Amino acid sequence: MGREAWRVHGVRRHGTRTTGIVVGIWETTDGDGDAQLYPQVRYALPDGREVVGEGGAHAIRSPLSEGDRVELLYRQDDPERIILVAHDWHMNIWVYGVLSLVLGALALLWALSAIASLPGHA
């Protein structure tokens, strides 16, 4: 999760902005069996080459359909991995950071509770 947050942060800070067209929605499931939808977007690089990049996952339903025009960011060294400007808000380093802190705090509280419940630690 941390590596993905760092990658997204890098694309947000140093990415090149352009527009593309949604050419498909790739569907898979996560570990819990919930649907994960990944928009596939075709766009042109400055040298004229066309690339199909993959946006972040959207659960339940995708807010996009084939043929939609979208704004995106990409890194020139990895143009297939993109961030859809108006749709990938959840791929934010602060969201991942806060989630990591909350999960870490809960794990610490659980560990302290387990230690306190041991005989002789009351």
N, C-alpha and C. Protein backbone atom coordinates (compact mmCIF):
# COMPACT_ATOMS: atom_id res chain seq x y z
N MET A 1 0.83 -1.18 0.00
CA MET A 1 0.00 0.00 0.00
C MET A 1 0.88 1.25 0.00
N GLY A 2 1.94 1.25 0.79
CA GLY A 2 2.82 2.40 0.85
C GLY A 2 3.53 2.66 -0.48
N ARG A 3 3.95 1.59 -1.15
CA ARG A 3 4.63 1.74 -2.45
C ARG A 3 3.67 2.33 -3.48
N GLU A 4 2.43 1.90 -3.50
CA GLU A 4 1.44 2.43 -4.44
C GLU A 4 1.16 3.90 -4.13
N ALA A 5 1.07 4.25 -2.85
CA ALA A 5 0.84 5.64 -2.47
C ALA A 5 2.00 6.52 -2.95
N TRP A 6 3.22 6.02 -2.80
CA TRP A 6 4.39 6.79 -3.23
C TRP A 6 4.40 6.96 -4.76
N ARG A 7 4.03 5.91 -5.49
CA ARG A 7 3.98 5.99 -6.95
C ARG A 7 2.94 7.02 -7.39
N VAL A 8 1.78 6.97 -6.78
CA VAL A 8 0.71 7.91 -7.12
C VAL A 8 1.14 9.34 -6.81
N HIS A 9 1.79 9.52 -5.66
CA HIS A 9 2.27 10.84 -5.28
C HIS A 9 3.25 11.37 -6.33
N GLY A 10 4.14 10.50 -6.81
CA GLY A 10 5.10 10.90 -7.85
C GLY A 10 4.41 11.31 -9.14
N VAL A 11 3.38 10.58 -9.53
CA VAL A 11 2.65 10.92 -10.76
C VAL A 11 1.93 12.25 -10.57
N ARG A 12 1.33 12.46 -9.40
CA ARG A 12 0.64 13.73 -9.15
C ARG A 12 1.60 14.92 -9.20
N ARG A 13 2.80 14.76 -8.67
CA ARG A 13 3.75 15.88 -8.61
C ARG A 13 4.49 16.09 -9.92
N HIS A 14 4.84 15.02 -10.63
CA HIS A 14 5.71 15.14 -11.80
C HIS A 14 5.07 14.66 -13.09
N GLY A 15 3.80 14.30 -13.04
CA GLY A 15 3.15 13.74 -14.22
C GLY A 15 2.85 14.78 -15.29
N THR A 16 2.71 14.28 -16.50
CA THR A 16 2.33 15.10 -17.65
C THR A 16 0.83 14.99 -17.81
N ARG A 17 0.15 16.12 -17.97
CA ARG A 17 -1.31 16.15 -18.10
C ARG A 17 -1.68 16.10 -19.58
N THR A 18 -2.69 15.28 -19.87
CA THR A 18 -3.23 15.18 -21.23
C THR A 18 -4.67 14.68 -21.15
N THR A 19 -5.28 14.47 -22.28
CA THR A 19 -6.62 13.89 -22.32
C THR A 19 -6.60 12.59 -23.11
N GLY A 20 -7.55 11.74 -22.81
CA GLY A 20 -7.66 10.48 -23.51
C GLY A 20 -9.11 10.05 -23.59
N ILE A 21 -9.32 8.89 -24.21
CA ILE A 21 -10.67 8.35 -24.39
C ILE A 21 -10.73 6.97 -23.75
N VAL A 22 -11.78 6.73 -22.96
CA VAL A 22 -11.98 5.42 -22.34
C VAL A 22 -12.31 4.42 -23.44
N VAL A 23 -11.50 3.36 -23.54
CA VAL A 23 -11.71 2.35 -24.58
C VAL A 23 -12.24 1.03 -24.01
N GLY A 24 -12.31 0.95 -22.69
CA GLY A 24 -12.84 -0.26 -22.07
C GLY A 24 -12.75 -0.17 -20.56
N ILE A 25 -13.42 -1.09 -19.89
CA ILE A 25 -13.38 -1.19 -18.42
C ILE A 25 -13.02 -2.64 -18.11
N TRP A 26 -11.83 -2.85 -17.54
CA TRP A 26 -11.38 -4.19 -17.18
C TRP A 26 -11.92 -4.50 -15.79
N GLU A 27 -12.58 -5.68 -15.63
CA GLU A 27 -13.18 -6.04 -14.36
C GLU A 27 -12.49 -7.27 -13.77
N THR A 28 -12.24 -7.19 -12.48
CA THR A 28 -11.69 -8.30 -11.73
C THR A 28 -12.30 -8.26 -10.33
N THR A 29 -11.86 -9.11 -9.43
CA THR A 29 -12.34 -9.08 -8.06
C THR A 29 -11.16 -8.96 -7.11
N ASP A 30 -11.42 -8.39 -5.93
CA ASP A 30 -10.37 -8.31 -4.92
C ASP A 30 -10.40 -9.58 -4.08
N GLY A 31 -9.61 -9.64 -3.03
CA GLY A 31 -9.52 -10.83 -2.19
C GLY A 31 -10.82 -11.21 -1.51
N ASP A 32 -11.73 -10.25 -1.35
CA ASP A 32 -13.02 -10.52 -0.72
C ASP A 32 -14.10 -10.87 -1.74
N GLY A 33 -13.76 -10.86 -3.02
CA GLY A 33 -14.74 -11.16 -4.05
C GLY A 33 -15.50 -9.95 -4.55
N ASP A 34 -15.15 -8.75 -4.07
CA ASP A 34 -15.81 -7.53 -4.53
C ASP A 34 -15.28 -7.12 -5.89
N ALA A 35 -16.17 -6.60 -6.74
CA ALA A 35 -15.78 -6.17 -8.08
C ALA A 35 -14.81 -5.00 -8.01
N GLN A 36 -13.80 -5.03 -8.85
CA GLN A 36 -12.85 -3.93 -9.02
C GLN A 36 -12.82 -3.61 -10.50
N LEU A 37 -13.11 -2.36 -10.85
CA LEU A 37 -13.21 -1.94 -12.24
C LEU A 37 -12.07 -0.97 -12.57
N TYR A 38 -11.32 -1.28 -13.62
CA TYR A 38 -10.18 -0.47 -14.03
C TYR A 38 -10.44 0.12 -15.41
N PRO A 39 -10.63 1.44 -15.51
CA PRO A 39 -10.83 2.06 -16.83
C PRO A 39 -9.54 1.98 -17.67
N GLN A 40 -9.70 1.58 -18.92
CA GLN A 40 -8.60 1.54 -19.89
C GLN A 40 -8.74 2.78 -20.78
N VAL A 41 -7.69 3.60 -20.83
CA VAL A 41 -7.76 4.88 -21.53
C VAL A 41 -6.67 4.96 -22.60
N ARG A 42 -7.07 5.33 -23.81
CA ARG A 42 -6.13 5.50 -24.92
C ARG A 42 -5.83 7.00 -25.06
N TYR A 43 -4.53 7.29 -25.19
CA TYR A 43 -4.11 8.68 -25.37
C TYR A 43 -2.81 8.70 -26.14
N ALA A 44 -2.45 9.88 -26.64
CA ALA A 44 -1.25 10.03 -27.47
C ALA A 44 -0.13 10.68 -26.66
N LEU A 45 1.08 10.13 -26.82
CA LEU A 45 2.27 10.74 -26.23
C LEU A 45 2.74 11.88 -27.14
N PRO A 46 3.59 12.77 -26.65
CA PRO A 46 4.06 13.89 -27.48
C PRO A 46 4.71 13.46 -28.79
N ASP A 47 5.31 12.26 -28.85
CA ASP A 47 5.95 11.79 -30.08
C ASP A 47 4.95 11.16 -31.06
N GLY A 48 3.64 11.16 -30.69
CA GLY A 48 2.61 10.63 -31.58
C GLY A 48 2.20 9.19 -31.31
N ARG A 49 3.00 8.46 -30.54
CA ARG A 49 2.65 7.07 -30.21
C ARG A 49 1.38 7.05 -29.37
N GLU A 50 0.51 6.09 -29.64
CA GLU A 50 -0.69 5.92 -28.81
C GLU A 50 -0.42 4.87 -27.75
N VAL A 51 -0.92 5.15 -26.56
CA VAL A 51 -0.73 4.28 -25.40
C VAL A 51 -2.10 4.00 -24.80
N VAL A 52 -2.27 2.80 -24.27
CA VAL A 52 -3.47 2.49 -23.48
C VAL A 52 -3.00 2.33 -22.05
N GLY A 53 -3.46 3.24 -21.20
CA GLY A 53 -3.11 3.21 -19.79
C GLY A 53 -4.27 2.73 -18.95
N GLU A 54 -3.95 2.33 -17.73
CA GLU A 54 -4.97 1.80 -16.83
C GLU A 54 -5.11 2.70 -15.62
N GLY A 55 -6.35 3.16 -15.37
CA GLY A 55 -6.63 3.98 -14.20
C GLY A 55 -6.78 3.14 -12.96
N GLY A 56 -6.97 3.79 -11.84
CA GLY A 56 -7.13 3.10 -10.56
C GLY A 56 -8.46 2.37 -10.48
N ALA A 57 -8.52 1.45 -9.54
CA ALA A 57 -9.71 0.62 -9.39
C ALA A 57 -10.87 1.41 -8.79
N HIS A 58 -12.05 1.10 -9.24
CA HIS A 58 -13.29 1.65 -8.70
C HIS A 58 -14.15 0.47 -8.29
N ALA A 59 -14.60 0.50 -7.07
CA ALA A 59 -15.44 -0.59 -6.58
C ALA A 59 -16.89 -0.38 -6.98
N ILE A 60 -17.62 -1.43 -7.04
CA ILE A 60 -19.06 -1.50 -7.30
C ILE A 60 -19.39 -1.15 -8.75
N ARG A 61 -19.14 0.09 -9.18
CA ARG A 61 -19.41 0.45 -10.57
C ARG A 61 -18.41 1.52 -10.97
N SER A 62 -18.13 1.59 -12.24
CA SER A 62 -17.22 2.61 -12.73
C SER A 62 -18.03 3.86 -13.07
N PRO A 63 -17.50 5.03 -12.72
CA PRO A 63 -18.20 6.27 -13.09
C PRO A 63 -18.01 6.61 -14.57
N LEU A 64 -17.27 5.76 -15.27
CA LEU A 64 -16.95 6.03 -16.67
C LEU A 64 -17.54 4.97 -17.59
N SER A 65 -17.70 5.34 -18.85
CA SER A 65 -18.17 4.42 -19.89
C SER A 65 -17.25 4.54 -21.10
N GLU A 66 -17.27 3.52 -21.95
CA GLU A 66 -16.49 3.59 -23.18
C GLU A 66 -16.88 4.83 -23.98
N GLY A 67 -15.86 5.49 -24.51
CA GLY A 67 -16.09 6.69 -25.30
C GLY A 67 -15.98 7.98 -24.52
N ASP A 68 -15.99 7.91 -23.18
CA ASP A 68 -15.85 9.12 -22.37
C ASP A 68 -14.47 9.72 -22.55
N ARG A 69 -14.41 11.04 -22.63
CA ARG A 69 -13.13 11.77 -22.68
C ARG A 69 -12.75 12.12 -21.25
N VAL A 70 -11.49 11.84 -20.87
CA VAL A 70 -11.02 12.08 -19.50
C VAL A 70 -9.68 12.79 -19.50
N GLU A 71 -9.44 13.54 -18.44
CA GLU A 71 -8.14 14.14 -18.21
C GLU A 71 -7.32 13.18 -17.38
N LEU A 72 -6.03 13.07 -17.68
CA LEU A 72 -5.19 12.13 -16.96
C LEU A 72 -3.80 12.69 -16.76
N LEU A 73 -3.07 12.05 -15.85
CA LEU A 73 -1.66 12.32 -15.60
C LEU A 73 -0.89 11.04 -15.82
N TYR A 74 0.32 11.15 -16.40
CA TYR A 74 1.18 9.98 -16.57
C TYR A 74 2.63 10.39 -16.40
N ARG A 75 3.46 9.44 -16.04
CA ARG A 75 4.91 9.67 -15.97
C ARG A 75 5.50 9.25 -17.30
N GLN A 76 6.40 10.04 -17.83
CA GLN A 76 6.98 9.73 -19.14
C GLN A 76 7.76 8.43 -19.13
N ASP A 77 8.29 8.04 -17.98
CA ASP A 77 9.06 6.79 -17.90
C ASP A 77 8.17 5.55 -17.71
N ASP A 78 6.87 5.74 -17.48
CA ASP A 78 5.94 4.62 -17.28
C ASP A 78 4.54 5.05 -17.73
N PRO A 79 4.34 5.30 -19.03
CA PRO A 79 3.09 5.91 -19.49
C PRO A 79 1.84 5.04 -19.38
N GLU A 80 1.99 3.73 -19.16
CA GLU A 80 0.81 2.88 -19.06
C GLU A 80 0.11 3.00 -17.70
N ARG A 81 0.81 3.48 -16.69
CA ARG A 81 0.23 3.65 -15.35
C ARG A 81 -0.21 5.10 -15.24
N ILE A 82 -1.51 5.32 -15.15
CA ILE A 82 -2.05 6.68 -15.20
C ILE A 82 -2.92 6.96 -13.98
N ILE A 83 -3.18 8.24 -13.78
CA ILE A 83 -4.13 8.69 -12.78
C ILE A 83 -5.17 9.52 -13.51
N LEU A 84 -6.43 9.18 -13.34
CA LEU A 84 -7.51 9.94 -13.94
C LEU A 84 -7.83 11.10 -13.00
N VAL A 85 -7.61 12.32 -13.48
CA VAL A 85 -7.65 13.50 -12.63
C VAL A 85 -8.94 13.62 -11.83
N ALA A 86 -10.09 13.50 -12.44
CA ALA A 86 -11.36 13.71 -11.74
C ALA A 86 -11.91 12.45 -11.07
N HIS A 87 -11.27 11.30 -11.28
CA HIS A 87 -11.88 10.05 -10.80
C HIS A 87 -11.02 9.26 -9.83
N ASP A 88 -9.73 9.48 -9.80
CA ASP A 88 -8.86 8.69 -8.94
C ASP A 88 -8.49 9.45 -7.67
N TRP A 89 -9.46 10.19 -7.09
CA TRP A 89 -9.22 10.96 -5.87
C TRP A 89 -8.82 10.06 -4.71
N HIS A 90 -9.32 8.82 -4.70
CA HIS A 90 -9.03 7.90 -3.60
C HIS A 90 -7.58 7.45 -3.59
N MET A 91 -6.86 7.66 -4.71
CA MET A 91 -5.46 7.26 -4.79
C MET A 91 -4.59 8.43 -4.34
N ASN A 92 -4.74 8.82 -3.09
CA ASN A 92 -4.09 9.99 -2.56
C ASN A 92 -3.16 9.57 -1.42
N ILE A 93 -1.96 10.13 -1.40
CA ILE A 93 -0.98 9.74 -0.37
C ILE A 93 -1.50 10.03 1.03
N TRP A 94 -2.34 11.06 1.20
CA TRP A 94 -2.87 11.38 2.52
C TRP A 94 -3.90 10.35 2.95
N VAL A 95 -4.71 9.86 2.02
CA VAL A 95 -5.68 8.81 2.36
C VAL A 95 -4.94 7.57 2.82
N TYR A 96 -3.92 7.14 2.04
CA TYR A 96 -3.15 5.96 2.42
C TYR A 96 -2.40 6.19 3.74
N GLY A 97 -1.88 7.40 3.93
CA GLY A 97 -1.14 7.71 5.15
C GLY A 97 -2.03 7.66 6.38
N VAL A 98 -3.19 8.29 6.31
CA VAL A 98 -4.12 8.29 7.44
C VAL A 98 -4.61 6.87 7.72
N LEU A 99 -4.93 6.13 6.66
CA LEU A 99 -5.37 4.75 6.85
C LEU A 99 -4.28 3.92 7.52
N SER A 100 -3.03 4.09 7.10
CA SER A 100 -1.92 3.36 7.72
C SER A 100 -1.77 3.72 9.20
N LEU A 101 -1.91 5.01 9.52
CA LEU A 101 -1.80 5.44 10.92
C LEU A 101 -2.93 4.85 11.76
N VAL A 102 -4.13 4.86 11.25
CA VAL A 102 -5.28 4.31 12.00
C VAL A 102 -5.09 2.82 12.23
N LEU A 103 -4.70 2.09 11.17
CA LEU A 103 -4.50 0.64 11.33
C LEU A 103 -3.35 0.35 12.29
N GLY A 104 -2.29 1.15 12.23
CA GLY A 104 -1.17 0.97 13.15
C GLY A 104 -1.57 1.23 14.59
N ALA A 105 -2.37 2.28 14.82
CA ALA A 105 -2.84 2.60 16.17
C ALA A 105 -3.73 1.49 16.71
N LEU A 106 -4.61 0.96 15.86
CA LEU A 106 -5.48 -0.14 16.30
C LEU A 106 -4.65 -1.38 16.65
N ALA A 107 -3.64 -1.69 15.87
CA ALA A 107 -2.78 -2.84 16.16
C ALA A 107 -2.03 -2.63 17.47
N LEU A 108 -1.56 -1.41 17.72
CA LEU A 108 -0.86 -1.11 18.96
C LEU A 108 -1.79 -1.26 20.17
N LEU A 109 -3.01 -0.72 20.05
CA LEU A 109 -3.98 -0.86 21.14
C LEU A 109 -4.32 -2.32 21.41
N TRP A 110 -4.47 -3.11 20.35
CA TRP A 110 -4.75 -4.53 20.51
C TRP A 110 -3.59 -5.22 21.23
N ALA A 111 -2.36 -4.90 20.83
CA ALA A 111 -1.18 -5.53 21.45
C ALA A 111 -1.08 -5.14 22.92
N LEU A 112 -1.30 -3.86 23.24
CA LEU A 112 -1.24 -3.41 24.63
C LEU A 112 -2.33 -4.07 25.46
N SER A 113 -3.52 -4.22 24.88
CA SER A 113 -4.62 -4.89 25.57
C SER A 113 -4.27 -6.35 25.86
N ALA A 114 -3.67 -7.00 24.90
CA ALA A 114 -3.28 -8.41 25.08
C ALA A 114 -2.22 -8.54 26.16
N ILE A 115 -1.26 -7.60 26.19
CA ILE A 115 -0.21 -7.66 27.22
C ILE A 115 -0.80 -7.40 28.60
N ALA A 116 -1.72 -6.43 28.69
CA ALA A 116 -2.33 -6.09 29.97
C ALA A 116 -3.18 -7.23 30.51
N SER A 117 -3.71 -8.06 29.65
CA SER A 117 -4.56 -9.16 30.12
C SER A 117 -3.76 -10.40 30.52
N LEU A 118 -2.43 -10.40 30.36
CA LEU A 118 -1.61 -11.53 30.77
C LEU A 118 -1.56 -11.58 32.28
N PRO A 119 -1.46 -12.78 32.84
CA PRO A 119 -1.36 -12.91 34.30
C PRO A 119 -0.12 -12.17 34.82
N GLY A 120 -0.29 -11.42 35.89
CA GLY A 120 0.82 -10.70 36.49
C GLY A 120 1.05 -9.32 35.91
N HIS A 121 0.22 -8.88 34.94
CA HIS A 121 0.36 -7.55 34.34
C HIS A 121 -0.87 -6.69 34.60
N ALA A 122 -1.62 -7.00 35.63
CA ALA A 122 -2.86 -6.26 35.90
C ALA A 122 -2.60 -4.99 36.66
